[in-house]
Amino acid sequence: MTNILSDNDYQLDAFNPYAIAEGIATRFKQRRLEHNLTQVALADRSGVSLGSLKRFEQHYEISLRNLLLLAVTLDSAAEFAELFAGRHFNSIEEVLKAKAAKKRKRGRRGV
């Protein structure tokens, strides 16, 4: 199985996984530079290894734990609170309908 994130030919639009990862890494690097931090200084402050930081900025690969550590260090962790936060409702009817719907406890087998 090939890793779609490492396939540079898969850039069909701005909503593919590679392009999203690239955008996050690019914005991260800009934030680091706005804080006037070198990679070495940020690695020391965050506890993330310099190698992991370089891999993120150059190849867009990082563990979630390390990404969160970097985000906290750069005062950007609040954005993660909204990730997968759920639906936003436009009316009370939508709220009531969602509340009445049966909540799934697990995914279905097969697709």
N, C-alpha and C. Protein backbone atom coordinates (compact mmCIF):
# COMPACT_ATOMS: atom_id res chain seq x y z
N MET A 1 0.85 -1.18 0.00
CA MET A 1 0.00 0.00 0.00
C MET A 1 0.89 1.24 0.00
N THR A 2 0.64 2.16 -0.90
CA THR A 2 1.45 3.36 -0.99
C THR A 2 0.89 4.46 -0.10
N ASN A 3 1.77 5.34 0.32
CA ASN A 3 1.38 6.46 1.16
C ASN A 3 0.97 7.62 0.27
N ILE A 4 -0.29 7.99 0.31
CA ILE A 4 -0.81 9.05 -0.55
C ILE A 4 -0.17 10.40 -0.21
N LEU A 5 0.27 10.60 1.03
CA LEU A 5 0.89 11.87 1.40
C LEU A 5 2.25 12.06 0.74
N SER A 6 2.93 10.96 0.40
CA SER A 6 4.24 11.09 -0.22
C SER A 6 4.17 11.10 -1.74
N ASP A 7 2.99 10.98 -2.29
CA ASP A 7 2.81 10.96 -3.74
C ASP A 7 2.58 12.37 -4.24
N ASN A 8 3.64 13.02 -4.74
CA ASN A 8 3.54 14.40 -5.21
C ASN A 8 2.68 14.55 -6.44
N ASP A 9 2.41 13.48 -7.18
CA ASP A 9 1.58 13.54 -8.38
C ASP A 9 0.10 13.61 -8.04
N TYR A 10 -0.26 13.46 -6.78
CA TYR A 10 -1.66 13.40 -6.37
C TYR A 10 -2.22 14.78 -6.03
N GLN A 11 -1.62 15.84 -6.51
CA GLN A 11 -2.07 17.18 -6.18
C GLN A 11 -3.13 17.65 -7.18
N LEU A 12 -4.34 17.12 -7.07
CA LEU A 12 -5.41 17.49 -7.97
C LEU A 12 -6.05 18.81 -7.60
N ASP A 13 -6.14 19.11 -6.32
CA ASP A 13 -6.72 20.36 -5.86
C ASP A 13 -6.23 20.67 -4.45
N ALA A 14 -6.73 21.74 -3.88
CA ALA A 14 -6.27 22.16 -2.56
C ALA A 14 -6.86 21.34 -1.42
N PHE A 15 -7.69 20.34 -1.74
CA PHE A 15 -8.34 19.57 -0.68
C PHE A 15 -7.88 18.13 -0.63
N ASN A 16 -6.71 17.84 -1.17
CA ASN A 16 -6.18 16.49 -1.03
C ASN A 16 -5.25 16.47 0.19
N PRO A 17 -5.00 15.32 0.76
CA PRO A 17 -4.21 15.24 1.99
C PRO A 17 -2.83 15.87 1.89
N TYR A 18 -2.16 15.68 0.77
CA TYR A 18 -0.81 16.24 0.62
C TYR A 18 -0.87 17.76 0.65
N ALA A 19 -1.81 18.35 -0.08
CA ALA A 19 -1.91 19.80 -0.14
C ALA A 19 -2.29 20.38 1.23
N ILE A 20 -3.14 19.71 1.97
CA ILE A 20 -3.51 20.17 3.30
C ILE A 20 -2.30 20.14 4.22
N ALA A 21 -1.54 19.04 4.20
CA ALA A 21 -0.34 18.92 5.03
C ALA A 21 0.69 19.99 4.66
N GLU A 22 0.85 20.23 3.37
CA GLU A 22 1.79 21.25 2.91
C GLU A 22 1.36 22.64 3.40
N GLY A 23 0.07 22.93 3.33
CA GLY A 23 -0.42 24.22 3.80
C GLY A 23 -0.21 24.42 5.29
N ILE A 24 -0.45 23.37 6.06
CA ILE A 24 -0.24 23.45 7.51
C ILE A 24 1.23 23.72 7.82
N ALA A 25 2.11 22.98 7.16
CA ALA A 25 3.55 23.15 7.40
C ALA A 25 4.02 24.53 6.98
N THR A 26 3.50 25.04 5.88
CA THR A 26 3.89 26.37 5.40
C THR A 26 3.44 27.45 6.38
N ARG A 27 2.19 27.34 6.85
CA ARG A 27 1.70 28.32 7.82
C ARG A 27 2.44 28.21 9.14
N PHE A 28 2.78 26.99 9.53
CA PHE A 28 3.55 26.78 10.75
C PHE A 28 4.90 27.48 10.65
N LYS A 29 5.60 27.28 9.54
CA LYS A 29 6.93 27.90 9.37
C LYS A 29 6.80 29.42 9.43
N GLN A 30 5.77 29.97 8.80
CA GLN A 30 5.56 31.41 8.84
C GLN A 30 5.34 31.88 10.28
N ARG A 31 4.55 31.13 11.05
CA ARG A 31 4.32 31.48 12.46
C ARG A 31 5.63 31.42 13.25
N ARG A 32 6.43 30.40 12.98
CA ARG A 32 7.74 30.29 13.67
C ARG A 32 8.60 31.52 13.37
N LEU A 33 8.62 31.93 12.11
CA LEU A 33 9.42 33.10 11.73
C LEU A 33 8.86 34.39 12.31
N GLU A 34 7.53 34.49 12.43
CA GLU A 34 6.91 35.66 13.06
C GLU A 34 7.35 35.78 14.52
N HIS A 35 7.56 34.63 15.17
CA HIS A 35 8.05 34.62 16.55
C HIS A 35 9.56 34.79 16.61
N ASN A 36 10.19 34.96 15.45
CA ASN A 36 11.63 35.16 15.34
C ASN A 36 12.41 34.01 15.99
N LEU A 37 11.96 32.78 15.71
CA LEU A 37 12.61 31.60 16.28
C LEU A 37 13.30 30.79 15.18
N THR A 38 14.48 30.33 15.48
CA THR A 38 15.14 29.38 14.59
C THR A 38 14.56 27.99 14.85
N GLN A 39 14.84 27.06 13.97
CA GLN A 39 14.40 25.69 14.19
C GLN A 39 15.01 25.14 15.48
N VAL A 40 16.27 25.44 15.72
CA VAL A 40 16.95 24.95 16.92
C VAL A 40 16.29 25.52 18.18
N ALA A 41 16.02 26.82 18.18
CA ALA A 41 15.40 27.45 19.35
C ALA A 41 14.01 26.89 19.61
N LEU A 42 13.22 26.69 18.55
CA LEU A 42 11.87 26.14 18.74
C LEU A 42 11.93 24.70 19.21
N ALA A 43 12.86 23.93 18.69
CA ALA A 43 13.01 22.55 19.14
C ALA A 43 13.34 22.51 20.63
N ASP A 44 14.24 23.38 21.07
CA ASP A 44 14.60 23.45 22.49
C ASP A 44 13.42 23.86 23.35
N ARG A 45 12.67 24.85 22.93
CA ARG A 45 11.53 25.34 23.72
C ARG A 45 10.38 24.35 23.78
N SER A 46 10.14 23.64 22.68
CA SER A 46 8.97 22.77 22.60
C SER A 46 9.22 21.36 23.10
N GLY A 47 10.46 20.92 23.09
CA GLY A 47 10.76 19.54 23.45
C GLY A 47 10.65 18.59 22.27
N VAL A 48 10.39 19.11 21.09
CA VAL A 48 10.32 18.32 19.86
C VAL A 48 11.73 18.26 19.28
N SER A 49 12.14 17.09 18.83
CA SER A 49 13.50 16.97 18.30
C SER A 49 13.67 17.84 17.06
N LEU A 50 14.89 18.28 16.84
CA LEU A 50 15.19 19.10 15.67
C LEU A 50 14.90 18.33 14.39
N GLY A 51 15.18 17.03 14.38
CA GLY A 51 14.90 16.21 13.21
C GLY A 51 13.42 16.16 12.87
N SER A 52 12.57 16.04 13.89
CA SER A 52 11.13 16.02 13.67
C SER A 52 10.64 17.35 13.13
N LEU A 53 11.18 18.43 13.67
CA LEU A 53 10.80 19.76 13.22
C LEU A 53 11.21 19.98 11.77
N LYS A 54 12.42 19.59 11.42
CA LYS A 54 12.88 19.72 10.03
C LYS A 54 12.04 18.86 9.08
N ARG A 55 11.73 17.63 9.49
CA ARG A 55 10.92 16.74 8.66
C ARG A 55 9.54 17.35 8.41
N PHE A 56 8.99 17.99 9.42
CA PHE A 56 7.69 18.64 9.26
C PHE A 56 7.76 19.79 8.26
N GLU A 57 8.75 20.65 8.40
CA GLU A 57 8.84 21.81 7.51
C GLU A 57 9.23 21.42 6.08
N GLN A 58 9.99 20.35 5.92
CA GLN A 58 10.47 19.98 4.59
C GLN A 58 9.60 18.93 3.90
N HIS A 59 9.07 17.98 4.67
CA HIS A 59 8.33 16.86 4.08
C HIS A 59 6.89 16.77 4.57
N TYR A 60 6.50 17.68 5.46
CA TYR A 60 5.11 17.79 5.95
C TYR A 60 4.67 16.58 6.76
N GLU A 61 5.60 15.93 7.43
CA GLU A 61 5.30 14.75 8.24
C GLU A 61 5.64 15.03 9.70
N ILE A 62 4.68 14.74 10.60
CA ILE A 62 4.90 14.95 12.03
C ILE A 62 3.85 14.16 12.80
N SER A 63 4.19 13.75 14.00
CA SER A 63 3.20 13.07 14.84
C SER A 63 2.25 14.12 15.41
N LEU A 64 1.05 13.68 15.75
CA LEU A 64 0.07 14.59 16.34
C LEU A 64 0.60 15.16 17.65
N ARG A 65 1.22 14.34 18.45
CA ARG A 65 1.76 14.80 19.74
C ARG A 65 2.76 15.94 19.53
N ASN A 66 3.70 15.74 18.59
CA ASN A 66 4.69 16.78 18.34
C ASN A 66 4.07 18.03 17.73
N LEU A 67 3.09 17.86 16.88
CA LEU A 67 2.41 19.02 16.30
C LEU A 67 1.73 19.84 17.40
N LEU A 68 1.10 19.16 18.35
CA LEU A 68 0.46 19.86 19.47
C LEU A 68 1.48 20.58 20.35
N LEU A 69 2.61 19.93 20.60
CA LEU A 69 3.67 20.59 21.39
C LEU A 69 4.15 21.86 20.70
N LEU A 70 4.34 21.79 19.38
CA LEU A 70 4.77 22.96 18.63
C LEU A 70 3.70 24.04 18.65
N ALA A 71 2.44 23.64 18.50
CA ALA A 71 1.34 24.61 18.49
C ALA A 71 1.24 25.34 19.84
N VAL A 72 1.39 24.61 20.92
CA VAL A 72 1.36 25.23 22.25
C VAL A 72 2.50 26.23 22.38
N THR A 73 3.67 25.86 21.93
CA THR A 73 4.84 26.73 22.03
C THR A 73 4.66 28.01 21.22
N LEU A 74 3.96 27.93 20.10
CA LEU A 74 3.74 29.10 19.25
C LEU A 74 2.38 29.77 19.51
N ASP A 75 1.76 29.47 20.64
CA ASP A 75 0.46 30.05 21.01
C ASP A 75 -0.59 29.83 19.93
N SER A 76 -0.63 28.63 19.37
CA SER A 76 -1.58 28.32 18.30
C SER A 76 -2.43 27.10 18.61
N ALA A 77 -2.47 26.68 19.84
CA ALA A 77 -3.17 25.45 20.19
C ALA A 77 -4.69 25.59 20.15
N ALA A 78 -5.20 26.80 20.26
CA ALA A 78 -6.65 26.99 20.30
C ALA A 78 -7.34 26.48 19.04
N GLU A 79 -6.67 26.55 17.91
CA GLU A 79 -7.26 26.09 16.65
C GLU A 79 -7.60 24.60 16.70
N PHE A 80 -6.87 23.83 17.48
CA PHE A 80 -7.12 22.40 17.58
C PHE A 80 -8.42 22.09 18.32
N ALA A 81 -8.87 23.00 19.17
CA ALA A 81 -10.09 22.77 19.93
C ALA A 81 -11.31 22.65 19.02
N GLU A 82 -11.27 23.27 17.86
CA GLU A 82 -12.39 23.24 16.93
C GLU A 82 -12.33 22.08 15.94
N LEU A 83 -11.21 21.39 15.87
CA LEU A 83 -11.06 20.27 14.94
C LEU A 83 -12.01 19.15 15.35
N PHE A 84 -12.84 18.70 14.43
CA PHE A 84 -13.84 17.66 14.66
C PHE A 84 -14.83 18.04 15.75
N ALA A 85 -15.13 19.32 15.90
CA ALA A 85 -15.99 19.80 16.98
C ALA A 85 -17.45 19.42 16.78
N GLY A 86 -17.84 19.08 15.60
CA GLY A 86 -19.23 18.72 15.36
C GLY A 86 -19.93 19.75 14.51
N ARG A 87 -21.19 19.55 14.35
CA ARG A 87 -22.01 20.41 13.50
C ARG A 87 -22.31 21.75 14.15
N HIS A 88 -22.55 22.70 13.28
CA HIS A 88 -23.08 23.99 13.71
C HIS A 88 -24.52 24.04 13.24
N PHE A 89 -25.42 24.41 14.11
CA PHE A 89 -26.84 24.39 13.78
C PHE A 89 -27.31 25.77 13.35
N ASN A 90 -28.24 25.77 12.40
CA ASN A 90 -28.80 27.02 11.89
C ASN A 90 -30.17 27.34 12.49
N SER A 91 -30.79 26.36 13.13
CA SER A 91 -32.11 26.60 13.72
C SER A 91 -32.32 25.66 14.89
N ILE A 92 -33.30 25.96 15.69
CA ILE A 92 -33.66 25.11 16.82
C ILE A 92 -34.20 23.76 16.33
N GLU A 93 -34.84 23.77 15.17
CA GLU A 93 -35.36 22.53 14.60
C GLU A 93 -34.21 21.56 14.31
N GLU A 94 -33.11 22.09 13.80
CA GLU A 94 -31.95 21.23 13.52
C GLU A 94 -31.38 20.65 14.81
N VAL A 95 -31.37 21.43 15.87
CA VAL A 95 -30.88 20.96 17.18
C VAL A 95 -31.77 19.84 17.69
N LEU A 96 -33.08 20.05 17.62
CA LEU A 96 -34.02 19.03 18.11
C LEU A 96 -33.94 17.76 17.28
N LYS A 97 -33.82 17.90 15.99
CA LYS A 97 -33.71 16.74 15.11
C LYS A 97 -32.43 15.95 15.40
N ALA A 98 -31.33 16.65 15.61
CA ALA A 98 -30.06 15.98 15.91
C ALA A 98 -30.12 15.27 17.26
N LYS A 99 -30.78 15.90 18.22
CA LYS A 99 -30.90 15.30 19.56
C LYS A 99 -31.74 14.03 19.52
N ALA A 100 -32.76 14.04 18.68
CA ALA A 100 -33.65 12.89 18.57
C ALA A 100 -33.02 11.74 17.79
N ALA A 101 -32.07 12.04 16.95
CA ALA A 101 -31.43 11.00 16.13
C ALA A 101 -30.62 10.06 17.02
N LYS A 102 -30.61 8.80 16.65
CA LYS A 102 -29.86 7.80 17.40
C LYS A 102 -28.37 8.04 17.20
N LYS A 103 -27.63 8.10 18.28
CA LYS A 103 -26.18 8.30 18.23
C LYS A 103 -25.50 6.96 17.97
N ARG A 104 -24.62 6.94 16.97
CA ARG A 104 -23.86 5.72 16.67
C ARG A 104 -22.73 5.56 17.68
N LYS A 105 -22.53 4.34 18.13
CA LYS A 105 -21.46 4.06 19.07
C LYS A 105 -20.22 3.50 18.39
N ARG A 106 -20.40 3.00 17.16
CA ARG A 106 -19.25 2.47 16.41
C ARG A 106 -19.60 2.45 14.93
N GLY A 107 -18.58 2.29 14.13
CA GLY A 107 -18.78 2.27 12.68
C GLY A 107 -19.33 0.93 12.21
N ARG A 108 -19.80 0.91 10.99
CA ARG A 108 -20.31 -0.32 10.39
C ARG A 108 -19.18 -1.12 9.80
N ARG A 109 -19.39 -2.42 9.71
CA ARG A 109 -18.40 -3.29 9.08
C ARG A 109 -18.49 -3.15 7.57
N GLY A 110 -17.32 -3.09 6.94
CA GLY A 110 -17.29 -3.04 5.49
C GLY A 110 -17.90 -1.78 4.95
N VAL A 111 -17.59 -1.51 3.74
CA VAL A 111 -18.15 -0.31 3.13
C VAL A 111 -18.55 -0.62 1.71
